[in-house]
Amino acid sequence: MRGQVERIEETLQQPDEVRLSDQDGSVHLYHRRYPETPVTEKLLLVVVKIDTDSPFVITAFFTDRLKSGTSIPVE
């Protein structure tokens, strides 16, 4: 994800979709579509561990589709 820090921040601040992970209820999946990426049009997925004193990003990567999970309303 070299060179993608601004997009990661944008995805966390203005996601198109947020889902609660099916595998871990304390993990939120932030998705945002980008028409141009290093590969082609993709979604950026940022995976965040939430239920700690200090939430943190577990991983971030480009993907073709939304990951499974319960949709959380985006404010």
N, C-alpha and C. Protein backbone atom coordinates (compact mmCIF):
# COMPACT_ATOMS: atom_id res chain seq x y z
N MET A 1 0.82 -1.20 0.00
CA MET A 1 0.00 0.00 0.00
C MET A 1 0.86 1.26 0.00
N ARG A 2 2.06 1.10 -0.47
CA ARG A 2 2.96 2.24 -0.57
C ARG A 2 2.29 3.35 -1.39
N GLY A 3 2.34 4.56 -0.87
CA GLY A 3 1.78 5.70 -1.57
C GLY A 3 0.26 5.83 -1.46
N GLN A 4 -0.37 5.06 -0.60
CA GLN A 4 -1.82 5.06 -0.49
C GLN A 4 -2.33 5.59 0.85
N VAL A 5 -1.48 6.21 1.64
CA VAL A 5 -1.86 6.66 2.98
C VAL A 5 -3.03 7.64 2.92
N GLU A 6 -3.02 8.56 1.97
CA GLU A 6 -4.12 9.53 1.87
C GLU A 6 -5.43 8.83 1.56
N ARG A 7 -5.40 7.81 0.71
CA ARG A 7 -6.62 7.07 0.39
C ARG A 7 -7.11 6.25 1.59
N ILE A 8 -6.20 5.72 2.35
CA ILE A 8 -6.58 4.99 3.57
C ILE A 8 -7.28 5.94 4.53
N GLU A 9 -6.71 7.11 4.74
CA GLU A 9 -7.33 8.11 5.62
C GLU A 9 -8.71 8.52 5.09
N GLU A 10 -8.82 8.73 3.78
CA GLU A 10 -10.09 9.11 3.18
C GLU A 10 -11.13 8.00 3.35
N THR A 11 -10.72 6.77 3.19
CA THR A 11 -11.63 5.63 3.35
C THR A 11 -12.15 5.55 4.78
N LEU A 12 -11.29 5.80 5.75
CA LEU A 12 -11.73 5.78 7.15
C LEU A 12 -12.65 6.96 7.48
N GLN A 13 -12.40 8.11 6.89
CA GLN A 13 -13.19 9.30 7.20
C GLN A 13 -14.48 9.38 6.39
N GLN A 14 -14.47 8.85 5.16
CA GLN A 14 -15.64 8.96 4.27
C GLN A 14 -15.86 7.64 3.53
N PRO A 15 -16.17 6.58 4.25
CA PRO A 15 -16.35 5.28 3.58
C PRO A 15 -17.65 5.24 2.77
N ASP A 16 -17.65 4.41 1.72
CA ASP A 16 -18.89 4.15 0.98
C ASP A 16 -19.74 3.13 1.73
N GLU A 17 -19.08 2.22 2.44
CA GLU A 17 -19.75 1.13 3.15
C GLU A 17 -18.88 0.71 4.32
N VAL A 18 -19.53 0.46 5.47
CA VAL A 18 -18.84 -0.11 6.63
C VAL A 18 -19.60 -1.36 7.04
N ARG A 19 -18.84 -2.42 7.30
CA ARG A 19 -19.46 -3.67 7.73
C ARG A 19 -18.76 -4.19 8.98
N LEU A 20 -19.55 -4.89 9.79
CA LEU A 20 -19.04 -5.58 10.97
C LEU A 20 -18.59 -6.96 10.50
N SER A 21 -17.37 -7.34 10.80
CA SER A 21 -16.83 -8.62 10.36
C SER A 21 -17.67 -9.79 10.88
N ASP A 22 -17.93 -10.76 10.00
CA ASP A 22 -18.62 -11.99 10.41
C ASP A 22 -17.76 -12.83 11.35
N GLN A 23 -16.45 -12.71 11.22
CA GLN A 23 -15.53 -13.55 11.97
C GLN A 23 -15.11 -12.97 13.31
N ASP A 24 -15.18 -11.64 13.45
CA ASP A 24 -14.77 -10.99 14.69
C ASP A 24 -15.60 -9.73 14.87
N GLY A 25 -16.50 -9.73 15.82
CA GLY A 25 -17.40 -8.61 16.05
C GLY A 25 -16.73 -7.31 16.46
N SER A 26 -15.45 -7.37 16.78
CA SER A 26 -14.73 -6.16 17.16
C SER A 26 -13.93 -5.59 15.99
N VAL A 27 -14.18 -6.12 14.79
CA VAL A 27 -13.47 -5.66 13.59
C VAL A 27 -14.47 -5.02 12.63
N HIS A 28 -14.14 -3.81 12.19
CA HIS A 28 -14.96 -3.11 11.20
C HIS A 28 -14.23 -3.09 9.87
N LEU A 29 -15.00 -3.25 8.78
CA LEU A 29 -14.46 -3.29 7.43
C LEU A 29 -14.92 -2.03 6.69
N TYR A 30 -14.00 -1.12 6.42
CA TYR A 30 -14.29 0.13 5.75
C TYR A 30 -13.99 -0.03 4.26
N HIS A 31 -14.98 0.26 3.41
CA HIS A 31 -14.84 0.13 1.96
C HIS A 31 -15.04 1.48 1.29
N ARG A 32 -14.25 1.75 0.26
CA ARG A 32 -14.44 2.94 -0.58
C ARG A 32 -13.97 2.62 -2.00
N ARG A 33 -14.83 2.95 -2.98
CA ARG A 33 -14.51 2.67 -4.38
C ARG A 33 -13.62 3.78 -4.96
N TYR A 34 -12.60 3.36 -5.68
CA TYR A 34 -11.72 4.28 -6.39
C TYR A 34 -11.69 3.88 -7.86
N PRO A 35 -12.03 4.82 -8.77
CA PRO A 35 -12.07 4.49 -10.19
C PRO A 35 -10.68 4.23 -10.77
N GLU A 36 -9.66 4.81 -10.16
CA GLU A 36 -8.29 4.60 -10.64
C GLU A 36 -7.41 4.20 -9.45
N THR A 37 -6.75 3.06 -9.59
CA THR A 37 -5.81 2.55 -8.58
C THR A 37 -4.58 2.05 -9.33
N PRO A 38 -3.58 1.57 -8.62
CA PRO A 38 -2.41 1.02 -9.32
C PRO A 38 -2.76 -0.16 -10.24
N VAL A 39 -3.92 -0.79 -10.06
CA VAL A 39 -4.27 -1.95 -10.89
C VAL A 39 -5.44 -1.67 -11.84
N THR A 40 -6.52 -1.09 -11.37
CA THR A 40 -7.71 -0.74 -12.15
C THR A 40 -8.75 -0.21 -11.18
N GLU A 41 -10.02 -0.09 -11.58
CA GLU A 41 -11.05 0.33 -10.63
C GLU A 41 -11.19 -0.73 -9.55
N LYS A 42 -11.11 -0.31 -8.29
CA LYS A 42 -11.17 -1.26 -7.16
C LYS A 42 -11.79 -0.58 -5.95
N LEU A 43 -12.14 -1.40 -4.99
CA LEU A 43 -12.51 -0.94 -3.66
C LEU A 43 -11.27 -0.99 -2.79
N LEU A 44 -11.10 0.03 -1.97
CA LEU A 44 -10.06 -0.03 -0.95
C LEU A 44 -10.73 -0.54 0.32
N LEU A 45 -10.20 -1.58 0.90
CA LEU A 45 -10.71 -2.15 2.15
C LEU A 45 -9.70 -1.84 3.25
N VAL A 46 -10.18 -1.22 4.32
CA VAL A 46 -9.35 -0.95 5.49
C VAL A 46 -10.00 -1.70 6.66
N VAL A 47 -9.24 -2.59 7.27
CA VAL A 47 -9.73 -3.44 8.36
C VAL A 47 -9.25 -2.86 9.68
N VAL A 48 -10.19 -2.55 10.57
CA VAL A 48 -9.86 -1.85 11.82
C VAL A 48 -10.38 -2.63 13.03
N LYS A 49 -9.50 -2.87 14.00
CA LYS A 49 -9.87 -3.46 15.29
C LYS A 49 -10.41 -2.33 16.15
N ILE A 50 -11.67 -2.44 16.60
CA ILE A 50 -12.36 -1.34 17.27
C ILE A 50 -12.39 -1.44 18.79
N ASP A 51 -12.65 -2.60 19.34
CA ASP A 51 -12.94 -2.69 20.78
C ASP A 51 -11.69 -2.75 21.66
N THR A 52 -10.82 -1.81 21.47
CA THR A 52 -9.65 -1.66 22.33
C THR A 52 -9.61 -0.21 22.79
N ASP A 53 -8.73 0.09 23.74
CA ASP A 53 -8.59 1.48 24.17
C ASP A 53 -8.06 2.36 23.04
N SER A 54 -7.36 1.73 22.11
CA SER A 54 -6.77 2.46 21.00
C SER A 54 -7.00 1.68 19.70
N PRO A 55 -8.12 1.96 18.99
CA PRO A 55 -8.39 1.24 17.74
C PRO A 55 -7.21 1.36 16.78
N PHE A 56 -7.00 0.32 15.97
CA PHE A 56 -5.86 0.33 15.05
C PHE A 56 -6.20 -0.40 13.76
N VAL A 57 -5.49 -0.02 12.69
CA VAL A 57 -5.65 -0.65 11.38
C VAL A 57 -4.91 -1.98 11.39
N ILE A 58 -5.62 -3.04 11.05
CA ILE A 58 -5.02 -4.37 10.95
C ILE A 58 -4.35 -4.52 9.59
N THR A 59 -5.08 -4.15 8.53
CA THR A 59 -4.55 -4.24 7.17
C THR A 59 -5.38 -3.37 6.25
N ALA A 60 -4.86 -3.12 5.06
CA ALA A 60 -5.58 -2.40 4.02
C ALA A 60 -5.13 -2.94 2.67
N PHE A 61 -6.10 -3.12 1.76
CA PHE A 61 -5.75 -3.62 0.43
C PHE A 61 -6.88 -3.33 -0.54
N PHE A 62 -6.56 -3.38 -1.84
CA PHE A 62 -7.56 -3.22 -2.88
C PHE A 62 -8.22 -4.55 -3.16
N THR A 63 -9.53 -4.51 -3.45
CA THR A 63 -10.30 -5.73 -3.69
C THR A 63 -11.38 -5.44 -4.75
N ASP A 64 -11.92 -6.52 -5.32
CA ASP A 64 -12.95 -6.38 -6.35
C ASP A 64 -14.35 -6.25 -5.79
N ARG A 65 -14.59 -6.76 -4.58
CA ARG A 65 -15.95 -6.75 -4.05
C ARG A 65 -15.98 -6.48 -2.55
N LEU A 66 -17.17 -6.09 -2.11
CA LEU A 66 -17.38 -5.87 -0.67
C LEU A 66 -17.18 -7.19 0.07
N LYS A 67 -16.58 -7.12 1.23
CA LYS A 67 -16.39 -8.31 2.07
C LYS A 67 -17.66 -8.57 2.87
N SER A 68 -17.87 -9.82 3.22
CA SER A 68 -19.09 -10.18 3.93
C SER A 68 -19.08 -9.61 5.34
N GLY A 69 -20.27 -9.33 5.83
CA GLY A 69 -20.43 -8.80 7.17
C GLY A 69 -21.75 -8.04 7.26
N THR A 70 -22.09 -7.67 8.47
CA THR A 70 -23.32 -6.93 8.72
C THR A 70 -23.07 -5.46 8.44
N SER A 71 -23.90 -4.86 7.61
CA SER A 71 -23.75 -3.46 7.26
C SER A 71 -23.99 -2.56 8.47
N ILE A 72 -23.13 -1.56 8.62
CA ILE A 72 -23.24 -0.57 9.68
C ILE A 72 -23.55 0.76 9.01
N PRO A 73 -24.57 1.51 9.48
CA PRO A 73 -24.88 2.80 8.85
C PRO A 73 -23.67 3.74 8.85
N VAL A 74 -23.45 4.38 7.71
CA VAL A 74 -22.38 5.36 7.58
C VAL A 74 -22.96 6.72 7.92
N GLU A 75 -22.31 7.42 8.82
CA GLU A 75 -22.81 8.74 9.27
C GLU A 75 -22.38 9.83 8.33
